[in-house]
Amino acid sequence: MGLFEARYVQYAPQVSDWQEAIRQAGRPLLDDGKIAQDYIDEILATCRAKGPYMNIGPDIVLAHARPLPSTHEASAAVLLTGTPVKLLDDAAHAARLWIFLATPDETSHIALIQQLAMILMNPERLQGVLAAQSSEELLRRLAG
């Protein structure tokens, strides 16, 4: 199995704003009980408090927060938007790839991060991911 399960990979032509992008990216994990709503709320609050540090590269946001008791399993989901969304409403931090990372502790997500780095550090593969125009195509390109 690849980094992302099919039900955790989403494509949306557009979303209303950065908060909706984070909510939508995390919704499948919430629906499956891997996280609770407070984890999504914590990501939004952390982003507001600490600024755009979750914007980890051109077009990429890694949405995450400190471990919470309501996070039950290290897991990841992704949302690709057809049009850029401004993180914190700042044009300097517009992104299309919204990666949602959940972790119940300080270490269980390390393997996920390593797998994710293999995608993000390969320019050709990343461009292919960003060129996807459906959830199915995005899943194929993430899988390599």
N, C-alpha and C. Protein backbone atom coordinates (compact mmCIF):
# COMPACT_ATOMS: atom_id res chain seq x y z
N MET A 1 0.84 -1.18 0.00
CA MET A 1 0.00 0.00 0.00
C MET A 1 0.89 1.25 0.00
N GLY A 2 0.43 2.28 -0.67
CA GLY A 2 1.17 3.52 -0.73
C GLY A 2 0.96 4.36 0.52
N LEU A 3 1.47 5.54 0.46
CA LEU A 3 1.38 6.47 1.58
C LEU A 3 -0.07 6.83 1.89
N PHE A 4 -0.87 7.03 0.84
CA PHE A 4 -2.25 7.48 1.02
C PHE A 4 -3.23 6.41 0.57
N GLU A 5 -4.21 6.11 1.39
CA GLU A 5 -5.31 5.25 0.98
C GLU A 5 -6.23 6.05 0.07
N ALA A 6 -6.89 5.38 -0.86
CA ALA A 6 -7.72 6.06 -1.86
C ALA A 6 -8.75 7.00 -1.21
N ARG A 7 -9.35 6.57 -0.12
CA ARG A 7 -10.40 7.41 0.48
C ARG A 7 -9.84 8.68 1.15
N TYR A 8 -8.51 8.74 1.28
CA TYR A 8 -7.88 9.91 1.88
C TYR A 8 -7.27 10.85 0.85
N VAL A 9 -7.55 10.62 -0.40
CA VAL A 9 -7.01 11.43 -1.49
C VAL A 9 -8.17 12.14 -2.18
N GLN A 10 -8.12 13.47 -2.19
CA GLN A 10 -9.22 14.25 -2.75
C GLN A 10 -8.70 15.31 -3.72
N TYR A 11 -9.51 15.56 -4.73
CA TYR A 11 -9.26 16.67 -5.65
C TYR A 11 -10.50 17.56 -5.62
N ALA A 12 -10.29 18.87 -5.54
CA ALA A 12 -11.40 19.83 -5.59
C ALA A 12 -10.99 20.96 -6.53
N PRO A 13 -11.80 21.26 -7.52
CA PRO A 13 -11.46 22.36 -8.43
C PRO A 13 -11.16 23.66 -7.68
N GLN A 14 -11.93 23.92 -6.61
CA GLN A 14 -11.66 25.08 -5.77
C GLN A 14 -12.31 24.90 -4.41
N VAL A 15 -11.76 25.59 -3.43
CA VAL A 15 -12.35 25.65 -2.10
C VAL A 15 -12.43 27.12 -1.70
N SER A 16 -13.27 27.42 -0.73
CA SER A 16 -13.54 28.82 -0.40
C SER A 16 -12.36 29.56 0.22
N ASP A 17 -11.59 28.88 1.09
CA ASP A 17 -10.45 29.54 1.74
C ASP A 17 -9.55 28.49 2.38
N TRP A 18 -8.47 28.95 3.01
CA TRP A 18 -7.48 28.05 3.58
C TRP A 18 -8.05 27.19 4.70
N GLN A 19 -8.96 27.76 5.48
CA GLN A 19 -9.55 26.98 6.57
C GLN A 19 -10.38 25.82 6.03
N GLU A 20 -11.12 26.08 4.97
CA GLU A 20 -11.89 25.02 4.34
C GLU A 20 -10.98 23.97 3.70
N ALA A 21 -9.85 24.40 3.14
CA ALA A 21 -8.90 23.44 2.57
C ALA A 21 -8.40 22.49 3.66
N ILE A 22 -8.07 23.00 4.81
CA ILE A 22 -7.60 22.15 5.92
C ILE A 22 -8.72 21.25 6.41
N ARG A 23 -9.92 21.82 6.58
CA ARG A 23 -11.05 21.01 7.03
C ARG A 23 -11.35 19.88 6.05
N GLN A 24 -11.39 20.22 4.76
CA GLN A 24 -11.71 19.21 3.75
C GLN A 24 -10.61 18.15 3.66
N ALA A 25 -9.35 18.56 3.76
CA ALA A 25 -8.25 17.59 3.71
C ALA A 25 -8.37 16.59 4.86
N GLY A 26 -8.73 17.05 6.04
CA GLY A 26 -8.80 16.18 7.21
C GLY A 26 -10.12 15.44 7.39
N ARG A 27 -11.14 15.83 6.64
CA ARG A 27 -12.47 15.23 6.84
C ARG A 27 -12.49 13.70 6.72
N PRO A 28 -11.79 13.09 5.76
CA PRO A 28 -11.83 11.61 5.70
C PRO A 28 -11.26 10.95 6.95
N LEU A 29 -10.23 11.54 7.54
CA LEU A 29 -9.66 10.99 8.78
C LEU A 29 -10.65 11.14 9.92
N LEU A 30 -11.35 12.26 9.95
CA LEU A 30 -12.39 12.50 10.95
C LEU A 30 -13.52 11.50 10.77
N ASP A 31 -13.96 11.32 9.54
CA ASP A 31 -15.06 10.39 9.25
C ASP A 31 -14.71 8.96 9.65
N ASP A 32 -13.44 8.58 9.52
CA ASP A 32 -13.00 7.23 9.87
C ASP A 32 -12.64 7.08 11.35
N GLY A 33 -12.75 8.16 12.14
CA GLY A 33 -12.46 8.08 13.56
C GLY A 33 -10.99 8.06 13.91
N LYS A 34 -10.11 8.38 12.95
CA LYS A 34 -8.68 8.42 13.25
C LYS A 34 -8.30 9.67 14.04
N ILE A 35 -9.10 10.72 13.88
CA ILE A 35 -8.94 11.97 14.63
C ILE A 35 -10.31 12.42 15.09
N ALA A 36 -10.31 13.41 15.98
CA ALA A 36 -11.55 14.07 16.38
C ALA A 36 -11.51 15.52 15.88
N GLN A 37 -12.63 16.18 15.94
CA GLN A 37 -12.73 17.56 15.45
C GLN A 37 -11.72 18.48 16.14
N ASP A 38 -11.38 18.19 17.39
CA ASP A 38 -10.46 19.08 18.09
C ASP A 38 -9.07 19.11 17.43
N TYR A 39 -8.69 18.04 16.73
CA TYR A 39 -7.40 18.05 16.05
C TYR A 39 -7.42 19.03 14.87
N ILE A 40 -8.49 19.03 14.11
CA ILE A 40 -8.63 20.00 13.01
C ILE A 40 -8.64 21.42 13.58
N ASP A 41 -9.39 21.62 14.66
CA ASP A 41 -9.46 22.94 15.30
C ASP A 41 -8.08 23.38 15.79
N GLU A 42 -7.30 22.44 16.30
CA GLU A 42 -5.95 22.75 16.79
C GLU A 42 -5.03 23.17 15.64
N ILE A 43 -5.15 22.51 14.50
CA ILE A 43 -4.35 22.91 13.34
C ILE A 43 -4.68 24.34 12.93
N LEU A 44 -5.96 24.65 12.85
CA LEU A 44 -6.38 26.01 12.47
C LEU A 44 -5.88 27.04 13.47
N ALA A 45 -6.01 26.75 14.75
CA ALA A 45 -5.56 27.68 15.79
C ALA A 45 -4.05 27.85 15.76
N THR A 46 -3.32 26.75 15.57
CA THR A 46 -1.86 26.81 15.50
C THR A 46 -1.41 27.66 14.33
N CYS A 47 -2.06 27.48 13.21
CA CYS A 47 -1.71 28.25 12.01
C CYS A 47 -1.95 29.74 12.26
N ARG A 48 -3.09 30.06 12.85
CA ARG A 48 -3.39 31.48 13.14
C ARG A 48 -2.36 32.07 14.11
N ALA A 49 -1.96 31.28 15.12
CA ALA A 49 -1.06 31.78 16.15
C ALA A 49 0.40 31.86 15.69
N LYS A 50 0.84 30.90 14.88
CA LYS A 50 2.26 30.80 14.55
C LYS A 50 2.60 31.24 13.14
N GLY A 51 1.61 31.58 12.35
CA GLY A 51 1.90 32.06 11.00
C GLY A 51 1.99 30.94 9.99
N PRO A 52 2.55 31.26 8.82
CA PRO A 52 2.48 30.35 7.67
C PRO A 52 3.57 29.28 7.62
N TYR A 53 4.12 28.88 8.76
CA TYR A 53 5.21 27.90 8.74
C TYR A 53 4.79 26.56 8.15
N MET A 54 3.49 26.28 8.07
CA MET A 54 3.02 25.03 7.49
C MET A 54 3.15 25.03 5.97
N ASN A 55 3.41 26.19 5.39
CA ASN A 55 3.68 26.29 3.95
C ASN A 55 5.13 25.85 3.76
N ILE A 56 5.31 24.57 3.38
CA ILE A 56 6.65 23.99 3.38
C ILE A 56 7.36 24.06 2.04
N GLY A 57 6.74 24.64 1.05
CA GLY A 57 7.35 24.80 -0.26
C GLY A 57 6.34 25.39 -1.21
N PRO A 58 6.78 25.75 -2.40
CA PRO A 58 5.83 26.31 -3.36
C PRO A 58 4.64 25.36 -3.57
N ASP A 59 3.46 25.87 -3.35
CA ASP A 59 2.21 25.12 -3.57
C ASP A 59 1.91 24.03 -2.56
N ILE A 60 2.67 23.95 -1.44
CA ILE A 60 2.50 22.82 -0.51
C ILE A 60 2.29 23.31 0.93
N VAL A 61 1.23 22.80 1.55
CA VAL A 61 1.00 23.03 2.98
C VAL A 61 0.98 21.67 3.67
N LEU A 62 1.72 21.56 4.75
CA LEU A 62 1.69 20.37 5.60
C LEU A 62 0.93 20.75 6.87
N ALA A 63 -0.36 20.47 6.88
CA ALA A 63 -1.22 20.82 8.00
C ALA A 63 -1.06 19.78 9.11
N HIS A 64 -0.65 20.26 10.27
CA HIS A 64 -0.41 19.36 11.40
C HIS A 64 -0.48 20.15 12.70
N ALA A 65 -0.56 19.43 13.79
CA ALA A 65 -0.57 20.05 15.12
C ALA A 65 0.10 19.09 16.09
N ARG A 66 0.29 19.56 17.28
CA ARG A 66 0.88 18.72 18.32
C ARG A 66 -0.04 17.51 18.57
N PRO A 67 0.51 16.42 19.04
CA PRO A 67 -0.34 15.25 19.32
C PRO A 67 -1.42 15.59 20.35
N LEU A 68 -2.60 15.06 20.12
CA LEU A 68 -3.71 15.22 21.05
C LEU A 68 -4.24 13.84 21.42
N PRO A 69 -4.81 13.69 22.61
CA PRO A 69 -5.36 12.38 23.01
C PRO A 69 -6.43 11.87 22.04
N SER A 70 -7.10 12.77 21.33
CA SER A 70 -8.17 12.35 20.42
C SER A 70 -7.65 11.89 19.06
N THR A 71 -6.33 11.96 18.85
CA THR A 71 -5.75 11.44 17.62
C THR A 71 -5.37 9.99 17.90
N HIS A 72 -6.01 9.08 17.18
CA HIS A 72 -5.92 7.67 17.51
C HIS A 72 -4.88 6.89 16.71
N GLU A 73 -4.44 7.44 15.58
CA GLU A 73 -3.53 6.69 14.73
C GLU A 73 -2.75 7.66 13.84
N ALA A 74 -1.47 7.41 13.65
CA ALA A 74 -0.69 8.21 12.70
C ALA A 74 -1.27 7.97 11.32
N SER A 75 -1.66 9.04 10.66
CA SER A 75 -2.31 8.91 9.36
C SER A 75 -2.14 10.21 8.59
N ALA A 76 -2.38 10.10 7.28
CA ALA A 76 -2.23 11.26 6.41
C ALA A 76 -3.33 11.25 5.36
N ALA A 77 -3.71 12.44 4.95
CA ALA A 77 -4.69 12.62 3.88
C ALA A 77 -4.20 13.79 3.04
N VAL A 78 -4.73 13.89 1.84
CA VAL A 78 -4.28 14.96 0.96
C VAL A 78 -5.45 15.50 0.15
N LEU A 79 -5.39 16.81 -0.06
CA LEU A 79 -6.34 17.51 -0.91
C LEU A 79 -5.53 18.32 -1.92
N LEU A 80 -5.85 18.15 -3.19
CA LEU A 80 -5.27 18.98 -4.24
C LEU A 80 -6.37 19.87 -4.77
N THR A 81 -6.12 21.17 -4.80
CA THR A 81 -7.10 22.10 -5.33
C THR A 81 -6.69 22.51 -6.74
N GLY A 82 -7.68 22.74 -7.57
CA GLY A 82 -7.40 23.15 -8.94
C GLY A 82 -6.85 24.55 -9.03
N THR A 83 -7.23 25.39 -8.09
CA THR A 83 -6.72 26.76 -8.04
C THR A 83 -6.03 26.98 -6.70
N PRO A 84 -5.02 27.84 -6.67
CA PRO A 84 -4.31 28.09 -5.41
C PRO A 84 -5.22 28.72 -4.35
N VAL A 85 -4.94 28.35 -3.11
CA VAL A 85 -5.65 28.89 -1.95
C VAL A 85 -4.61 29.57 -1.07
N LYS A 86 -4.88 30.78 -0.64
CA LYS A 86 -3.92 31.57 0.13
C LYS A 86 -3.96 31.18 1.60
N LEU A 87 -2.88 30.56 2.08
CA LEU A 87 -2.77 30.23 3.49
C LEU A 87 -2.76 31.52 4.29
N LEU A 88 -3.60 31.59 5.30
CA LEU A 88 -3.76 32.79 6.12
C LEU A 88 -4.11 34.02 5.26
N ASP A 89 -4.77 33.77 4.12
CA ASP A 89 -5.19 34.83 3.19
C ASP A 89 -4.01 35.65 2.69
N ASP A 90 -2.83 35.05 2.64
CA ASP A 90 -1.61 35.73 2.22
C ASP A 90 -1.17 35.18 0.86
N ALA A 91 -1.17 36.02 -0.15
CA ALA A 91 -0.81 35.59 -1.51
C ALA A 91 0.60 35.02 -1.58
N ALA A 92 1.48 35.41 -0.68
CA ALA A 92 2.85 34.88 -0.66
C ALA A 92 2.87 33.40 -0.24
N HIS A 93 1.76 32.92 0.30
CA HIS A 93 1.69 31.54 0.79
C HIS A 93 0.52 30.80 0.16
N ALA A 94 0.34 30.95 -1.14
CA ALA A 94 -0.71 30.24 -1.85
C ALA A 94 -0.27 28.79 -2.07
N ALA A 95 -1.21 27.87 -1.96
CA ALA A 95 -0.90 26.45 -2.11
C ALA A 95 -2.04 25.72 -2.80
N ARG A 96 -1.68 24.61 -3.41
CA ARG A 96 -2.68 23.73 -4.04
C ARG A 96 -2.66 22.34 -3.42
N LEU A 97 -1.53 21.92 -2.87
CA LEU A 97 -1.40 20.59 -2.27
C LEU A 97 -1.46 20.74 -0.75
N TRP A 98 -2.56 20.24 -0.16
CA TRP A 98 -2.82 20.37 1.27
C TRP A 98 -2.69 18.98 1.89
N ILE A 99 -1.57 18.74 2.54
CA ILE A 99 -1.30 17.44 3.16
C ILE A 99 -1.66 17.56 4.64
N PHE A 100 -2.51 16.67 5.08
CA PHE A 100 -3.01 16.68 6.45
C PHE A 100 -2.35 15.52 7.18
N LEU A 101 -1.58 15.82 8.20
CA LEU A 101 -0.84 14.81 8.95
C LEU A 101 -1.34 14.76 10.39
N ALA A 102 -1.71 13.57 10.83
CA ALA A 102 -2.18 13.38 12.21
C ALA A 102 -1.25 12.41 12.91
N THR A 103 -0.93 12.70 14.15
CA THR A 103 -0.07 11.80 14.92
C THR A 103 -0.51 11.79 16.38
N PRO A 104 -0.58 10.61 16.98
CA PRO A 104 -0.98 10.52 18.38
C PRO A 104 0.16 10.72 19.37
N ASP A 105 1.40 10.77 18.86
CA ASP A 105 2.56 10.88 19.74
C ASP A 105 3.70 11.55 18.98
N GLU A 106 4.87 11.57 19.58
CA GLU A 106 6.01 12.29 18.99
C GLU A 106 6.77 11.50 17.93
N THR A 107 6.49 10.20 17.77
CA THR A 107 7.32 9.39 16.87
C THR A 107 6.57 8.59 15.81
N SER A 108 5.32 8.27 16.02
CA SER A 108 4.65 7.32 15.13
C SER A 108 4.45 7.84 13.71
N HIS A 109 4.62 9.12 13.49
CA HIS A 109 4.42 9.69 12.15
C HIS A 109 5.72 9.74 11.32
N ILE A 110 6.83 9.34 11.90
CA ILE A 110 8.12 9.48 11.21
C ILE A 110 8.15 8.72 9.89
N ALA A 111 7.63 7.50 9.86
CA ALA A 111 7.60 6.73 8.61
C ALA A 111 6.76 7.44 7.55
N LEU A 112 5.66 8.05 7.97
CA LEU A 112 4.82 8.80 7.03
C LEU A 112 5.60 9.98 6.44
N ILE A 113 6.33 10.68 7.29
CA ILE A 113 7.12 11.83 6.84
C ILE A 113 8.20 11.38 5.86
N GLN A 114 8.83 10.26 6.13
CA GLN A 114 9.86 9.76 5.23
C GLN A 114 9.28 9.42 3.85
N GLN A 115 8.13 8.78 3.83
CA GLN A 115 7.48 8.45 2.56
C GLN A 115 7.06 9.72 1.82
N LEU A 116 6.55 10.67 2.56
CA LEU A 116 6.13 11.94 1.97
C LEU A 116 7.33 12.69 1.38
N ALA A 117 8.44 12.66 2.06
CA ALA A 117 9.65 13.33 1.58
C ALA A 117 10.10 12.76 0.24
N MET A 118 9.93 11.47 0.04
CA MET A 118 10.32 10.85 -1.22
C MET A 118 9.53 11.45 -2.39
N ILE A 119 8.29 11.82 -2.15
CA ILE A 119 7.46 12.44 -3.19
C ILE A 119 7.85 13.90 -3.36
N LEU A 120 7.92 14.62 -2.27
CA LEU A 120 8.12 16.07 -2.32
C LEU A 120 9.52 16.47 -2.79
N MET A 121 10.49 15.60 -2.58
CA MET A 121 11.87 15.93 -2.95
C MET A 121 12.23 15.51 -4.38
N ASN A 122 11.26 14.91 -5.07
CA ASN A 122 11.46 14.51 -6.46
C ASN A 122 10.70 15.50 -7.34
N PRO A 123 11.41 16.47 -7.96
CA PRO A 123 10.73 17.53 -8.70
C PRO A 123 9.78 17.02 -9.79
N GLU A 124 10.18 15.99 -10.54
CA GLU A 124 9.33 15.48 -11.60
C GLU A 124 8.06 14.85 -11.03
N ARG A 125 8.23 14.09 -9.98
CA ARG A 125 7.07 13.44 -9.37
C ARG A 125 6.13 14.48 -8.76
N LEU A 126 6.70 15.48 -8.10
CA LEU A 126 5.88 16.53 -7.51
C LEU A 126 5.10 17.29 -8.58
N GLN A 127 5.74 17.60 -9.69
CA GLN A 127 5.04 18.29 -10.79
C GLN A 127 3.90 17.43 -11.32
N GLY A 128 4.12 16.13 -11.40
CA GLY A 128 3.06 15.23 -11.82
C GLY A 128 1.89 15.23 -10.85
N VAL A 129 2.20 15.23 -9.56
CA VAL A 129 1.15 15.29 -8.53
C VAL A 129 0.35 16.58 -8.69
N LEU A 130 1.05 17.70 -8.86
CA LEU A 130 0.37 18.99 -8.98
C LEU A 130 -0.43 19.12 -10.28
N ALA A 131 -0.10 18.30 -11.27
CA ALA A 131 -0.81 18.34 -12.55
C ALA A 131 -2.08 17.49 -12.56
N ALA A 132 -2.30 16.68 -11.53
CA ALA A 132 -3.48 15.81 -11.48
C ALA A 132 -4.75 16.65 -11.53
N GLN A 133 -5.79 16.07 -12.14
CA GLN A 133 -7.06 16.79 -12.26
C GLN A 133 -8.25 15.96 -11.79
N SER A 134 -7.96 14.92 -11.01
CA SER A 134 -9.02 14.13 -10.38
C SER A 134 -8.42 13.40 -9.18
N SER A 135 -9.27 12.93 -8.31
CA SER A 135 -8.79 12.17 -7.15
C SER A 135 -8.08 10.90 -7.59
N GLU A 136 -8.61 10.23 -8.61
CA GLU A 136 -8.02 8.99 -9.09
C GLU A 136 -6.63 9.23 -9.68
N GLU A 137 -6.52 10.28 -10.48
CA GLU A 137 -5.23 10.62 -11.08
C GLU A 137 -4.24 11.03 -10.00
N LEU A 138 -4.69 11.78 -9.02
CA LEU A 138 -3.83 12.19 -7.91
C LEU A 138 -3.32 10.96 -7.16
N LEU A 139 -4.18 10.02 -6.87
CA LEU A 139 -3.76 8.81 -6.17
C LEU A 139 -2.70 8.06 -6.97
N ARG A 140 -2.90 7.91 -8.28
CA ARG A 140 -1.91 7.21 -9.13
C ARG A 140 -0.57 7.92 -9.09
N ARG A 141 -0.60 9.24 -9.16
CA ARG A 141 0.67 10.01 -9.20
C ARG A 141 1.37 10.00 -7.85
N LEU A 142 0.60 9.99 -6.78
CA LEU A 142 1.21 9.88 -5.45
C LEU A 142 1.86 8.51 -5.26
N ALA A 143 1.26 7.49 -5.82
CA ALA A 143 1.77 6.13 -5.67
C ALA A 143 3.03 5.91 -6.50
N GLY A 144 3.27 6.79 -7.46
CA GLY A 144 4.50 6.72 -8.23
C GLY A 144 4.31 5.98 -9.50
